Amino acid sequence: MPVAREYDAPGGTPCGGAGAPGRPHIPSPARAPVQAPASDAVSEVIRWAGFSCAVVPVVLLLCGLPFGAALGAAAGLAAVTAASHALLRHSERTAARLDADGVSPHRGRHGRTGIGAHRGGHRV
């Protein structure tokens, strides 16, 4: 009586087939996740913030808080979300402009590039 092997089970291979006879299916190695562009990441953060602006007041109402308190919480969350959205977009535009111009960011208060001998050598 044949014994059912793991790769013979329904769905044992990615295509749902039985695979090669006598050879188990070897899964491909895990691939590194593809990093989303910055605008997609910002959009995702803003979507989650909008979702929380809708869910939090509902949960507060279910917990027994008055309607005014839930409405105040929703207004506060909406204000924080709007401010965060504006700051994230500004940061994104600034980073894109710096990349396009090839300009390095501000070096600091004195604008020096290094210390010691790197700035002009040893003086006697």
PDB file of N, CA and C in Angstrom:
ATOM      1  N   MET A   1       0.839  -1.178   0.000  1.00  0.00           N
ATOM      2  CA  MET A   1       0.000   0.000   0.000  1.00  0.00           C
ATOM      3  C   MET A   1       0.884   1.241   0.000  1.00  0.00           C
ATOM      4  N   PRO A   2       0.699   2.151  -0.966  1.00  0.00           N
ATOM      5  CA  PRO A   2       1.552   3.347  -1.017  1.00  0.00           C
ATOM      6  C   PRO A   2       1.254   4.278   0.161  1.00  0.00           C
ATOM      7  N   VAL A   3       2.308   4.925   0.608  1.00  0.00           N
ATOM      8  CA  VAL A   3       2.194   5.872   1.708  1.00  0.00           C
ATOM      9  C   VAL A   3       2.110   7.274   1.115  1.00  0.00           C
ATOM     10  N   ALA A   4       1.152   8.054   1.616  1.00  0.00           N
ATOM     11  CA  ALA A   4       1.019   9.430   1.130  1.00  0.00           C
ATOM     12  C   ALA A   4       2.155  10.267   1.694  1.00  0.00           C
ATOM     13  N   ARG A   5       2.873  10.909   0.807  1.00  0.00           N
ATOM     14  CA  ARG A   5       3.956  11.775   1.244  1.00  0.00           C
ATOM     15  C   ARG A   5       3.443  13.203   1.316  1.00  0.00           C
ATOM     16  N   GLU A   6       4.216  14.064   1.978  1.00  0.00           N
ATOM     17  CA  GLU A   6       3.795  15.442   2.198  1.00  0.00           C
ATOM     18  C   GLU A   6       3.555  16.167   0.879  1.00  0.00           C
ATOM     19  N   TYR A   7       4.396  15.935  -0.128  1.00  0.00           N
ATOM     20  CA  TYR A   7       4.249  16.646  -1.375  1.00  0.00           C
ATOM     21  C   TYR A   7       3.154  16.053  -2.251  1.00  0.00           C
ATOM     22  N   ASP A   8       2.619  14.854  -1.888  1.00  0.00           N
ATOM     23  CA  ASP A   8       1.516  14.276  -2.635  1.00  0.00           C
ATOM     24  C   ASP A   8       0.167  14.796  -2.154  1.00  0.00           C
ATOM     25  N   ALA A   9       0.151  15.453  -1.004  1.00  0.00           N
ATOM     26  CA  ALA A   9      -1.110  15.958  -0.461  1.00  0.00           C
ATOM     27  C   ALA A   9      -1.636  17.075  -1.355  1.00  0.00           C
ATOM     28  N   PRO A  10      -2.953  17.259  -1.354  1.00  0.00           N
ATOM     29  CA  PRO A  10      -3.499  18.364  -2.157  1.00  0.00           C
ATOM     30  C   PRO A  10      -2.870  19.683  -1.740  1.00  0.00           C
ATOM     31  N   GLY A  11      -2.440  20.429  -2.736  1.00  0.00           N
ATOM     32  CA  GLY A  11      -1.806  21.713  -2.444  1.00  0.00           C
ATOM     33  C   GLY A  11      -0.376  21.555  -1.973  1.00  0.00           C
ATOM     34  N   GLY A  12       0.252  20.388  -2.202  1.00  0.00           N
ATOM     35  CA  GLY A  12       1.611  20.143  -1.745  1.00  0.00           C
ATOM     36  C   GLY A  12       2.655  20.951  -2.494  1.00  0.00           C
ATOM     37  N   THR A  13       2.340  21.378  -3.702  1.00  0.00           N
ATOM     38  CA  THR A  13       3.244  22.225  -4.467  1.00  0.00           C
ATOM     39  C   THR A  13       2.559  23.556  -4.704  1.00  0.00           C
ATOM     40  N   PRO A  14       3.313  24.589  -5.057  1.00  0.00           N
ATOM     41  CA  PRO A  14       2.694  25.901  -5.265  1.00  0.00           C
ATOM     42  C   PRO A  14       1.599  25.890  -6.321  1.00  0.00           C
ATOM     43  N   CYS A  15       1.704  25.002  -7.314  1.00  0.00           N
ATOM     44  CA  CYS A  15       0.687  24.960  -8.363  1.00  0.00           C
ATOM     45  C   CYS A  15      -0.437  24.007  -8.031  1.00  0.00           C
ATOM     46  N   GLY A  16      -0.334  23.299  -6.916  1.00  0.00           N
ATOM     47  CA  GLY A  16      -1.364  22.354  -6.527  1.00  0.00           C
ATOM     48  C   GLY A  16      -1.174  20.995  -7.164  1.00  0.00           C
ATOM     49  N   GLY A  17      -0.128  20.785  -7.975  1.00  0.00           N
ATOM     50  CA  GLY A  17       0.119  19.516  -8.629  1.00  0.00           C
ATOM     51  C   GLY A  17       0.855  18.555  -7.722  1.00  0.00           C
ATOM     52  N   ALA A  18       1.161  17.370  -8.249  1.00  0.00           N
ATOM     53  CA  ALA A  18       1.805  16.351  -7.439  1.00  0.00           C
ATOM     54  C   ALA A  18       3.317  16.463  -7.456  1.00  0.00           C
ATOM     55  N   GLY A  19       3.888  17.242  -8.334  1.00  0.00           N
ATOM     56  CA  GLY A  19       5.340  17.365  -8.403  1.00  0.00           C
ATOM     57  C   GLY A  19       5.940  16.216  -9.175  1.00  0.00           C
ATOM     58  N   ALA A  20       7.255  16.161  -9.241  1.00  0.00           N
ATOM     59  CA  ALA A  20       7.934  15.091  -9.964  1.00  0.00           C
ATOM     60  C   ALA A  20       7.838  13.810  -9.156  1.00  0.00           C
ATOM     61  N   PRO A  21       7.615  12.651  -9.811  1.00  0.00           N
ATOM     62  CA  PRO A  21       7.498  11.393  -9.073  1.00  0.00           C
ATOM     63  C   PRO A  21       8.801  11.064  -8.339  1.00  0.00           C
ATOM     64  N   GLY A  22       8.678  10.736  -7.068  1.00  0.00           N
ATOM     65  CA  GLY A  22       9.833  10.332  -6.281  1.00  0.00           C
ATOM     66  C   GLY A  22      10.680  11.483  -5.761  1.00  0.00           C
ATOM     67  N   ARG A  23      10.351  12.706  -6.111  1.00  0.00           N
ATOM     68  CA  ARG A  23      11.135  13.854  -5.648  1.00  0.00           C
ATOM     69  C   ARG A  23      10.231  14.818  -4.894  1.00  0.00           C
ATOM     70  N   PRO A  24      10.605  15.176  -3.682  1.00  0.00           N
ATOM     71  CA  PRO A  24       9.786  16.138  -2.934  1.00  0.00           C
ATOM     72  C   PRO A  24       9.932  17.537  -3.519  1.00  0.00           C
ATOM     73  N   HIS A  25       8.901  18.336  -3.287  1.00  0.00           N
ATOM     74  CA  HIS A  25       8.949  19.730  -3.734  1.00  0.00           C
ATOM     75  C   HIS A  25       9.847  20.507  -2.790  1.00  0.00           C
ATOM     76  N   ILE A  26      10.818  21.209  -3.351  1.00  0.00           N
ATOM     77  CA  ILE A  26      11.711  22.045  -2.548  1.00  0.00           C
ATOM     78  C   ILE A  26      11.277  23.483  -2.746  1.00  0.00           C
ATOM     79  N   PRO A  27      10.822  24.124  -1.666  1.00  0.00           N
ATOM     80  CA  PRO A  27      10.366  25.511  -1.820  1.00  0.00           C
ATOM     81  C   PRO A  27      11.519  26.441  -2.147  1.00  0.00           C
ATOM     82  N   SER A  28      11.212  27.502  -2.858  1.00  0.00           N
ATOM     83  CA  SER A  28      12.238  28.483  -3.178  1.00  0.00           C
ATOM     84  C   SER A  28      12.613  29.250  -1.914  1.00  0.00           C
ATOM     85  N   PRO A  29      13.846  29.745  -1.836  1.00  0.00           N
ATOM     86  CA  PRO A  29      14.263  30.468  -0.632  1.00  0.00           C
ATOM     87  C   PRO A  29      13.429  31.735  -0.450  1.00  0.00           C
ATOM     88  N   ALA A  30      13.297  32.130   0.801  1.00  0.00           N
ATOM     89  CA  ALA A  30      12.530  33.336   1.108  1.00  0.00           C
ATOM     90  C   ALA A  30      13.229  34.548   0.514  1.00  0.00           C
ATOM     91  N   ARG A  31      12.470  35.400  -0.073  1.00  0.00           N
ATOM     92  CA  ARG A  31      13.041  36.597  -0.681  1.00  0.00           C
ATOM     93  C   ARG A  31      12.865  37.771   0.263  1.00  0.00           C
ATOM     94  N   ALA A  32      13.800  38.686   0.172  1.00  0.00           N
ATOM     95  CA  ALA A  32      13.708  39.888   1.003  1.00  0.00           C
ATOM     96  C   ALA A  32      12.517  40.708   0.535  1.00  0.00           C
ATOM     97  N   PRO A  33      11.752  41.250   1.472  1.00  0.00           N
ATOM     98  CA  PRO A  33      10.609  42.049   1.058  1.00  0.00           C
ATOM     99  C   PRO A  33      11.050  43.294   0.297  1.00  0.00           C
ATOM    100  N   VAL A  34      10.280  43.643  -0.694  1.00  0.00           N
ATOM    101  CA  VAL A  34      10.576  44.821  -1.492  1.00  0.00           C
ATOM    102  C   VAL A  34      10.119  46.041  -0.700  1.00  0.00           C
ATOM    103  N   GLN A  35      11.000  46.989  -0.549  1.00  0.00           N
ATOM    104  CA  GLN A  35      10.659  48.181   0.212  1.00  0.00           C
ATOM    105  C   GLN A  35       9.808  49.104  -0.643  1.00  0.00           C
ATOM    106  N   ALA A  36       8.704  49.542  -0.052  1.00  0.00           N
ATOM    107  CA  ALA A  36       7.791  50.427  -0.761  1.00  0.00           C
ATOM    108  C   ALA A  36       8.397  51.825  -0.852  1.00  0.00           C
ATOM    109  N   PRO A  37       8.076  52.545  -1.903  1.00  0.00           N
ATOM    110  CA  PRO A  37       8.536  53.928  -1.979  1.00  0.00           C
ATOM    111  C   PRO A  37       8.011  54.732  -0.798  1.00  0.00           C
ATOM    112  N   ALA A  38       8.658  55.845  -0.529  1.00  0.00           N
ATOM    113  CA  ALA A  38       8.303  56.647   0.641  1.00  0.00           C
ATOM    114  C   ALA A  38       6.863  57.116   0.578  1.00  0.00           C
ATOM    115  N   SER A  39       6.384  57.500  -0.601  1.00  0.00           N
ATOM    116  CA  SER A  39       5.017  58.009  -0.682  1.00  0.00           C
ATOM    117  C   SER A  39       4.008  56.923  -0.336  1.00  0.00           C
ATOM    118  N   ASP A  40       4.289  55.666  -0.697  1.00  0.00           N
ATOM    119  CA  ASP A  40       3.403  54.576  -0.324  1.00  0.00           C
ATOM    120  C   ASP A  40       3.408  54.366   1.179  1.00  0.00           C
ATOM    121  N   ALA A  41       4.583  54.479   1.797  1.00  0.00           N
ATOM    122  CA  ALA A  41       4.665  54.310   3.237  1.00  0.00           C
ATOM    123  C   ALA A  41       3.909  55.421   3.952  1.00  0.00           C
ATOM    124  N   VAL A  42       4.031  56.642   3.464  1.00  0.00           N
ATOM    125  CA  VAL A  42       3.306  57.765   4.065  1.00  0.00           C
ATOM    126  C   VAL A  42       1.812  57.561   3.896  1.00  0.00           C
ATOM    127  N   SER A  43       1.391  57.142   2.725  1.00  0.00           N
ATOM    128  CA  SER A  43      -0.030  56.911   2.481  1.00  0.00           C
ATOM    129  C   SER A  43      -0.574  55.831   3.399  1.00  0.00           C
ATOM    130  N   GLU A  44       0.225  54.791   3.618  1.00  0.00           N
ATOM    131  CA  GLU A  44      -0.221  53.713   4.501  1.00  0.00           C
ATOM    132  C   GLU A  44      -0.355  54.192   5.938  1.00  0.00           C
ATOM    133  N   VAL A  45       0.575  54.996   6.390  1.00  0.00           N
ATOM    134  CA  VAL A  45       0.496  55.546   7.749  1.00  0.00           C
ATOM    135  C   VAL A  45      -0.747  56.408   7.893  1.00  0.00           C
ATOM    136  N   ILE A  46      -1.011  57.229   6.898  1.00  0.00           N
ATOM    137  CA  ILE A  46      -2.171  58.114   6.951  1.00  0.00           C
ATOM    138  C   ILE A  46      -3.466  57.308   6.901  1.00  0.00           C
ATOM    139  N   ARG A  47      -3.499  56.232   6.117  1.00  0.00           N
ATOM    140  CA  ARG A  47      -4.695  55.380   6.085  1.00  0.00           C
ATOM    141  C   ARG A  47      -4.964  54.760   7.450  1.00  0.00           C
ATOM    142  N   TRP A  48      -3.918  54.252   8.097  1.00  0.00           N
ATOM    143  CA  TRP A  48      -4.096  53.668   9.428  1.00  0.00           C
ATOM    144  C   TRP A  48      -4.529  54.720  10.440  1.00  0.00           C
ATOM    145  N   ALA A  49      -4.000  55.922  10.317  1.00  0.00           N
ATOM    146  CA  ALA A  49      -4.403  56.995  11.225  1.00  0.00           C
ATOM    147  C   ALA A  49      -5.873  57.342  11.010  1.00  0.00           C
ATOM    148  N   GLY A  50      -6.306  57.399   9.767  1.00  0.00           N
ATOM    149  CA  GLY A  50      -7.722  57.650   9.481  1.00  0.00           C
ATOM    150  C   GLY A  50      -8.613  56.551  10.018  1.00  0.00           C
ATOM    151  N   PHE A  51      -8.145  55.321   9.894  1.00  0.00           N
ATOM    152  CA  PHE A  51      -8.893  54.186  10.442  1.00  0.00           C
ATOM    153  C   PHE A  51      -9.041  54.319  11.952  1.00  0.00           C
ATOM    154  N   SER A  52      -7.956  54.704  12.624  1.00  0.00           N
ATOM    155  CA  SER A  52      -8.034  54.854  14.079  1.00  0.00           C
ATOM    156  C   SER A  52      -8.948  56.012  14.465  1.00  0.00           C
ATOM    157  N   CYS A  53      -8.992  57.047  13.644  1.00  0.00           N
ATOM    158  CA  CYS A  53      -9.899  58.174  13.911  1.00  0.00           C
ATOM    159  C   CYS A  53     -11.354  57.714  13.880  1.00  0.00           C
ATOM    160  N   ALA A  54     -11.652  56.693  13.114  1.00  0.00           N
ATOM    161  CA  ALA A  54     -13.017  56.180  13.050  1.00  0.00           C
ATOM    162  C   ALA A  54     -13.292  55.139  14.134  1.00  0.00           C
ATOM    163  N   VAL A  55     -12.300  54.313  14.441  1.00  0.00           N
ATOM    164  CA  VAL A  55     -12.520  53.201  15.370  1.00  0.00           C
ATOM    165  C   VAL A  55     -12.506  53.658  16.828  1.00  0.00           C
ATOM    166  N   VAL A  56     -11.607  54.536  17.192  1.00  0.00           N
ATOM    167  CA  VAL A  56     -11.464  54.944  18.593  1.00  0.00           C
ATOM    168  C   VAL A  56     -12.750  55.532  19.162  1.00  0.00           C
ATOM    169  N   PRO A  57     -13.426  56.456  18.470  1.00  0.00           N
ATOM    170  CA  PRO A  57     -14.681  56.963  19.038  1.00  0.00           C
ATOM    171  C   PRO A  57     -15.754  55.888  19.205  1.00  0.00           C
ATOM    172  N   VAL A  58     -15.809  54.945  18.271  1.00  0.00           N
ATOM    173  CA  VAL A  58     -16.781  53.857  18.383  1.00  0.00           C
ATOM    174  C   VAL A  58     -16.490  53.021  19.622  1.00  0.00           C
ATOM    175  N   VAL A  59     -15.227  52.707  19.846  1.00  0.00           N
ATOM    176  CA  VAL A  59     -14.849  51.925  21.025  1.00  0.00           C
ATOM    177  C   VAL A  59     -15.153  52.712  22.297  1.00  0.00           C
ATOM    178  N   LEU A  60     -14.894  54.008  22.280  1.00  0.00           N
ATOM    179  CA  LEU A  60     -15.195  54.822  23.452  1.00  0.00           C
ATOM    180  C   LEU A  60     -16.698  54.839  23.745  1.00  0.00           C
ATOM    181  N   LEU A  61     -17.512  54.895  22.699  1.00  0.00           N
ATOM    182  CA  LEU A  61     -18.957  54.845  22.897  1.00  0.00           C
ATOM    183  C   LEU A  61     -19.387  53.488  23.446  1.00  0.00           C
ATOM    184  N   LEU A  62     -18.784  52.424  22.946  1.00  0.00           N
ATOM    185  CA  LEU A  62     -19.115  51.087  23.439  1.00  0.00           C
ATOM    186  C   LEU A  62     -18.694  50.899  24.894  1.00  0.00           C
ATOM    187  N   CYS A  63     -17.655  51.608  25.308  1.00  0.00           N
ATOM    188  CA  CYS A  63     -17.196  51.514  26.697  1.00  0.00           C
ATOM    189  C   CYS A  63     -18.026  52.390  27.636  1.00  0.00           C
ATOM    190  N   GLY A  64     -18.953  53.156  27.091  1.00  0.00           N
ATOM    191  CA  GLY A  64     -19.847  53.919  27.936  1.00  0.00           C
ATOM    192  C   GLY A  64     -19.525  55.393  28.077  1.00  0.00           C
ATOM    193  N   LEU A  65     -18.579  55.907  27.355  1.00  0.00           N
ATOM    194  CA  LEU A  65     -18.286  57.340  27.434  1.00  0.00           C
ATOM    195  C   LEU A  65     -19.387  58.124  26.739  1.00  0.00           C
ATOM    196  N   PRO A  66     -19.627  59.334  27.185  1.00  0.00           N
ATOM    197  CA  PRO A  66     -20.659  60.158  26.526  1.00  0.00           C
ATOM    198  C   PRO A  66     -20.274  60.482  25.081  1.00  0.00           C
ATOM    199  N   PHE A  67     -21.289  60.805  24.304  1.00  0.00           N
ATOM    200  CA  PHE A  67     -21.080  61.108  22.889  1.00  0.00           C
ATOM    201  C   PHE A  67     -20.131  62.291  22.701  1.00  0.00           C
ATOM    202  N   GLY A  68     -20.241  63.295  23.554  1.00  0.00           N
ATOM    203  CA  GLY A  68     -19.376  64.475  23.442  1.00  0.00           C
ATOM    204  C   GLY A  68     -17.911  64.126  23.641  1.00  0.00           C
ATOM    205  N   ALA A  69     -17.630  63.226  24.583  1.00  0.00           N
ATOM    206  CA  ALA A  69     -16.242  62.825  24.823  1.00  0.00           C
ATOM    207  C   ALA A  69     -15.687  62.064  23.620  1.00  0.00           C
ATOM    208  N   ALA A  70     -16.495  61.178  23.050  1.00  0.00           N
ATOM    209  CA  ALA A  70     -16.057  60.429  21.870  1.00  0.00           C
ATOM    210  C   ALA A  70     -15.858  61.375  20.688  1.00  0.00           C
ATOM    211  N   LEU A  71     -16.744  62.352  20.568  1.00  0.00           N
ATOM    212  CA  LEU A  71     -16.607  63.327  19.493  1.00  0.00           C
ATOM    213  C   LEU A  71     -15.348  64.176  19.674  1.00  0.00           C
ATOM    214  N   GLY A  72     -15.061  64.558  20.909  1.00  0.00           N
ATOM    215  CA  GLY A  72     -13.840  65.313  21.199  1.00  0.00           C
ATOM    216  C   GLY A  72     -12.588  64.505  20.891  1.00  0.00           C
ATOM    217  N   ALA A  73     -12.612  63.216  21.241  1.00  0.00           N
ATOM    218  CA  ALA A  73     -11.467  62.346  20.933  1.00  0.00           C
ATOM    219  C   ALA A  73     -11.282  62.219  19.427  1.00  0.00           C
ATOM    220  N   ALA A  74     -12.392  62.092  18.694  1.00  0.00           N
ATOM    221  CA  ALA A  74     -12.307  61.990  17.235  1.00  0.00           C
ATOM    222  C   ALA A  74     -11.733  63.273  16.640  1.00  0.00           C
ATOM    223  N   ALA A  75     -12.168  64.421  17.162  1.00  0.00           N
ATOM    224  CA  ALA A  75     -11.652  65.698  16.654  1.00  0.00           C
ATOM    225  C   ALA A  75     -10.160  65.846  16.961  1.00  0.00           C
ATOM    226  N   GLY A  76      -9.745  65.451  18.148  1.00  0.00           N
ATOM    227  CA  GLY A  76      -8.328  65.517  18.503  1.00  0.00           C
ATOM    228  C   GLY A  76      -7.480  64.606  17.640  1.00  0.00           C
ATOM    229  N   LEU A  77      -7.955  63.390  17.431  1.00  0.00           N
ATOM    230  CA  LEU A  77      -7.213  62.454  16.569  1.00  0.00           C
ATOM    231  C   LEU A  77      -7.150  62.963  15.131  1.00  0.00           C
ATOM    232  N   ALA A  78      -8.237  63.548  14.661  1.00  0.00           N
ATOM    233  CA  ALA A  78      -8.238  64.085  13.292  1.00  0.00           C
ATOM    234  C   ALA A  78      -7.245  65.237  13.163  1.00  0.00           C
ATOM    235  N   ALA A  79      -7.153  66.074  14.186  1.00  0.00           N
ATOM    236  CA  ALA A  79      -6.203  67.195  14.141  1.00  0.00           C
ATOM    237  C   ALA A  79      -4.771  66.686  14.134  1.00  0.00           C
ATOM    238  N   VAL A  80      -4.478  65.693  14.986  1.00  0.00           N
ATOM    239  CA  VAL A  80      -3.124  65.124  15.027  1.00  0.00           C
ATOM    240  C   VAL A  80      -2.795  64.437  13.704  1.00  0.00           C
ATOM    241  N   THR A  81      -3.774  63.739  13.134  1.00  0.00           N
ATOM    242  CA  THR A  81      -3.561  63.065  11.848  1.00  0.00           C
ATOM    243  C   THR A  81      -3.278  64.076  10.745  1.00  0.00           C
ATOM    244  N   ALA A  82      -4.038  65.160  10.718  1.00  0.00           N
ATOM    245  CA  ALA A  82      -3.824  66.179   9.686  1.00  0.00           C
ATOM    246  C   ALA A  82      -2.447  66.831   9.829  1.00  0.00           C
ATOM    247  N   ALA A  83      -2.049  67.130  11.063  1.00  0.00           N
ATOM    248  CA  ALA A  83      -0.730  67.728  11.275  1.00  0.00           C
ATOM    249  C   ALA A  83       0.379  66.754  10.886  1.00  0.00           C
ATOM    250  N   SER A  84       0.221  65.488  11.252  1.00  0.00           N
ATOM    251  CA  SER A  84       1.224  64.476  10.890  1.00  0.00           C
ATOM    252  C   SER A  84       1.312  64.318   9.383  1.00  0.00           C
ATOM    253  N   HIS A  85       0.164  64.337   8.726  1.00  0.00           N
ATOM    254  CA  HIS A  85       0.143  64.216   7.263  1.00  0.00           C
ATOM    255  C   HIS A  85       0.900  65.367   6.623  1.00  0.00           C
ATOM    256  N   ALA A  86       0.657  66.569   7.104  1.00  0.00           N
ATOM    257  CA  ALA A  86       1.337  67.742   6.544  1.00  0.00           C
ATOM    258  C   ALA A  86       2.843  67.660   6.773  1.00  0.00           C
ATOM    259  N   LEU A  87       3.258  67.248   7.975  1.00  0.00           N
ATOM    260  CA  LEU A  87       4.692  67.146   8.269  1.00  0.00           C
ATOM    261  C   LEU A  87       5.367  66.042   7.463  1.00  0.00           C
ATOM    262  N   LEU A  88       4.682  64.911   7.302  1.00  0.00           N
ATOM    263  CA  LEU A  88       5.258  63.816   6.511  1.00  0.00           C
ATOM    264  C   LEU A  88       5.412  64.219   5.052  1.00  0.00           C
ATOM    265  N   ARG A  89       4.418  64.873   4.487  1.00  0.00           N
ATOM    266  CA  ARG A  89       4.509  65.305   3.087  1.00  0.00           C
ATOM    267  C   ARG A  89       5.604  66.356   2.910  1.00  0.00           C
ATOM    268  N   HIS A  90       5.721  67.278   3.858  1.00  0.00           N
ATOM    269  CA  HIS A  90       6.778  68.295   3.785  1.00  0.00           C
ATOM    270  C   HIS A  90       8.152  67.631   3.824  1.00  0.00           C
ATOM    271  N   SER A  91       8.309  66.664   4.729  1.00  0.00           N
ATOM    272  CA  SER A  91       9.580  65.945   4.830  1.00  0.00           C
ATOM    273  C   SER A  91       9.884  65.189   3.543  1.00  0.00           C
ATOM    274  N   GLU A  92       8.860  64.582   2.967  1.00  0.00           N
ATOM    275  CA  GLU A  92       9.035  63.844   1.723  1.00  0.00           C
ATOM    276  C   GLU A  92       9.449  64.771   0.579  1.00  0.00           C
ATOM    277  N   ARG A  93       8.815  65.933   0.482  1.00  0.00           N
ATOM    278  CA  ARG A  93       9.166  66.893  -0.568  1.00  0.00           C
ATOM    279  C   ARG A  93      10.579  67.418  -0.382  1.00  0.00           C
ATOM    280  N   THR A  94      10.956  67.695   0.867  1.00  0.00           N
ATOM    281  CA  THR A  94      12.301  68.193   1.141  1.00  0.00           C
ATOM    282  C   THR A  94      13.350  67.155   0.767  1.00  0.00           C
ATOM    283  N   ALA A  95      13.113  65.908   1.125  1.00  0.00           N
ATOM    284  CA  ALA A  95      14.063  64.846   0.787  1.00  0.00           C
ATOM    285  C   ALA A  95      14.168  64.671  -0.718  1.00  0.00           C
ATOM    286  N   ALA A  96      13.047  64.741  -1.414  1.00  0.00           N
ATOM    287  CA  ALA A  96      13.075  64.604  -2.876  1.00  0.00           C
ATOM    288  C   ALA A  96      13.826  65.769  -3.508  1.00  0.00           C
ATOM    289  N   ARG A  97      13.630  66.975  -2.986  1.00  0.00           N
ATOM    290  CA  ARG A  97      14.326  68.136  -3.534  1.00  0.00           C
ATOM    291  C   ARG A  97      15.825  68.023  -3.309  1.00  0.00           C
ATOM    292  N   LEU A  98      16.238  67.574  -2.114  1.00  0.00           N
ATOM    293  CA  LEU A  98      17.669  67.425  -1.841  1.00  0.00           C
ATOM    294  C   LEU A  98      18.291  66.355  -2.727  1.00  0.00           C
ATOM    295  N   ASP A  99      17.549  65.277  -2.975  1.00  0.00           N
ATOM    296  CA  ASP A  99      18.066  64.232  -3.861  1.00  0.00           C
ATOM    297  C   ASP A  99      18.192  64.745  -5.289  1.00  0.00           C
ATOM    298  N   ALA A 100      17.220  65.512  -5.740  1.00  0.00           N
ATOM    299  CA  ALA A 100      17.240  66.007  -7.114  1.00  0.00           C
ATOM    300  C   ALA A 100      18.332  67.049  -7.314  1.00  0.00           C
ATOM    301  N   ASP A 101      18.562  67.884  -6.314  1.00  0.00           N
ATOM    302  CA  ASP A 101      19.573  68.936  -6.433  1.00  0.00           C
ATOM    303  C   ASP A 101      20.982  68.420  -6.192  1.00  0.00           C
ATOM    304  N   GLY A 102      21.115  67.294  -5.560  1.00  0.00           N
ATOM    305  CA  GLY A 102      22.435  66.775  -5.225  1.00  0.00           C
ATOM    306  C   GLY A 102      23.085  67.553  -4.102  1.00  0.00           C
ATOM    307  N   VAL A 103      22.312  68.254  -3.323  1.00  0.00           N
ATOM    308  CA  VAL A 103      22.816  69.071  -2.229  1.00  0.00           C
ATOM    309  C   VAL A 103      22.849  68.227  -0.964  1.00  0.00           C
ATOM    310  N   SER A 104      23.959  68.324  -0.230  1.00  0.00           N
ATOM    311  CA  SER A 104      24.016  67.612   1.040  1.00  0.00           C
ATOM    312  C   SER A 104      23.294  68.426   2.095  1.00  0.00           C
ATOM    313  N   PRO A 105      22.744  67.755   3.098  1.00  0.00           N
ATOM    314  CA  PRO A 105      22.042  68.495   4.139  1.00  0.00           C
ATOM    315  C   PRO A 105      22.993  69.400   4.920  1.00  0.00           C
ATOM    316  N   HIS A 106      22.435  70.316   5.673  1.00  0.00           N
ATOM    317  CA  HIS A 106      23.217  71.260   6.463  1.00  0.00           C
ATOM    318  C   HIS A 106      24.131  70.502   7.422  1.00  0.00           C
ATOM    319  N   ARG A 107      25.391  70.920   7.501  1.00  0.00           N
ATOM    320  CA  ARG A 107      26.369  70.193   8.297  1.00  0.00           C
ATOM    321  C   ARG A 107      26.326  70.540   9.766  1.00  0.00           C
ATOM    322  N   GLY A 108      25.682  71.560  10.134  1.00  0.00           N
ATOM    323  CA  GLY A 108      25.640  71.929  11.540  1.00  0.00           C
ATOM    324  C   GLY A 108      25.937  73.399  11.724  1.00  0.00           C
ATOM    325  N   ARG A 109      26.179  73.767  12.934  1.00  0.00           N
ATOM    326  CA  ARG A 109      26.324  75.173  13.286  1.00  0.00           C
ATOM    327  C   ARG A 109      27.519  75.833  12.603  1.00  0.00           C
ATOM    328  N   HIS A 110      28.646  75.142  12.544  1.00  0.00           N
ATOM    329  CA  HIS A 110      29.855  75.760  12.002  1.00  0.00           C
ATOM    330  C   HIS A 110      30.169  75.310  10.586  1.00  0.00           C
ATOM    331  N   GLY A 111      29.515  74.293  10.095  1.00  0.00           N
ATOM    332  CA  GLY A 111      29.699  73.850   8.722  1.00  0.00           C
ATOM    333  C   GLY A 111      31.047  73.231   8.435  1.00  0.00           C
ATOM    334  N   ARG A 112      31.727  72.722   9.432  1.00  0.00           N
ATOM    335  CA  ARG A 112      33.047  72.131   9.206  1.00  0.00           C
ATOM    336  C   ARG A 112      32.911  70.718   8.680  1.00  0.00           C
ATOM    337  N   THR A 113      33.905  70.307   7.912  1.00  0.00           N
ATOM    338  CA  THR A 113      33.839  68.988   7.298  1.00  0.00           C
ATOM    339  C   THR A 113      34.548  67.921   8.096  1.00  0.00           C
ATOM    340  N   GLY A 114      35.410  68.260   8.983  1.00  0.00           N
ATOM    341  CA  GLY A 114      36.137  67.249   9.733  1.00  0.00           C
ATOM    342  C   GLY A 114      36.891  67.870  10.882  1.00  0.00           C
ATOM    343  N   ILE A 115      37.753  67.082  11.509  1.00  0.00           N
ATOM    344  CA  ILE A 115      38.514  67.599  12.640  1.00  0.00           C
ATOM    345  C   ILE A 115      40.002  67.435  12.385  1.00  0.00           C
ATOM    346  N   GLY A 116      40.792  68.187  13.099  1.00  0.00           N
ATOM    347  CA  GLY A 116      42.250  68.019  13.092  1.00  0.00           C
ATOM    348  C   GLY A 116      42.888  68.214  11.738  1.00  0.00           C
ATOM    349  N   ALA A 117      43.730  67.250  11.368  1.00  0.00           N
ATOM    350  CA  ALA A 117      44.523  67.338  10.143  1.00  0.00           C
ATOM    351  C   ALA A 117      43.671  67.359   8.886  1.00  0.00           C
ATOM    352  N   HIS A 118      42.437  66.912   8.988  1.00  0.00           N
ATOM    353  CA  HIS A 118      41.579  66.898   7.813  1.00  0.00           C
ATOM    354  C   HIS A 118      41.190  68.288   7.350  1.00  0.00           C
ATOM    355  N   ARG A 119      41.350  69.285   8.206  1.00  0.00           N
ATOM    356  CA  ARG A 119      40.928  70.633   7.832  1.00  0.00           C
ATOM    357  C   ARG A 119      42.074  71.489   7.322  1.00  0.00           C
ATOM    358  N   GLY A 120      43.239  71.027   7.253  1.00  0.00           N
ATOM    359  CA  GLY A 120      44.287  71.890   6.740  1.00  0.00           C
ATOM    360  C   GLY A 120      45.671  71.479   7.197  1.00  0.00           C
ATOM    361  N   GLY A 121      45.752  70.410   7.904  1.00  0.00           N
ATOM    362  CA  GLY A 121      47.067  69.927   8.278  1.00  0.00           C
ATOM    363  C   GLY A 121      47.573  70.490   9.587  1.00  0.00           C
ATOM    364  N   HIS A 122      48.764  70.092   9.910  1.00  0.00           N
ATOM    365  CA  HIS A 122      49.405  70.490  11.170  1.00  0.00           C
ATOM    366  C   HIS A 122      50.129  71.809  10.970  1.00  0.00           C
ATOM    367  N   ARG A 123      49.922  72.741  11.855  1.00  0.00           N
ATOM    368  CA  ARG A 123      50.609  74.023  11.764  1.00  0.00           C
ATOM    369  C   ARG A 123      51.680  74.096  12.844  1.00  0.00           C
ATOM    370  N   VAL A 124      52.791  74.688  12.489  1.00  0.00           N
ATOM    371  CA  VAL A 124      53.914  74.789  13.439  1.00  0.00           C
ATOM    372  C   VAL A 124      54.030  76.191  13.953  1.00  0.00           C
TER     373      VAL A 124
END
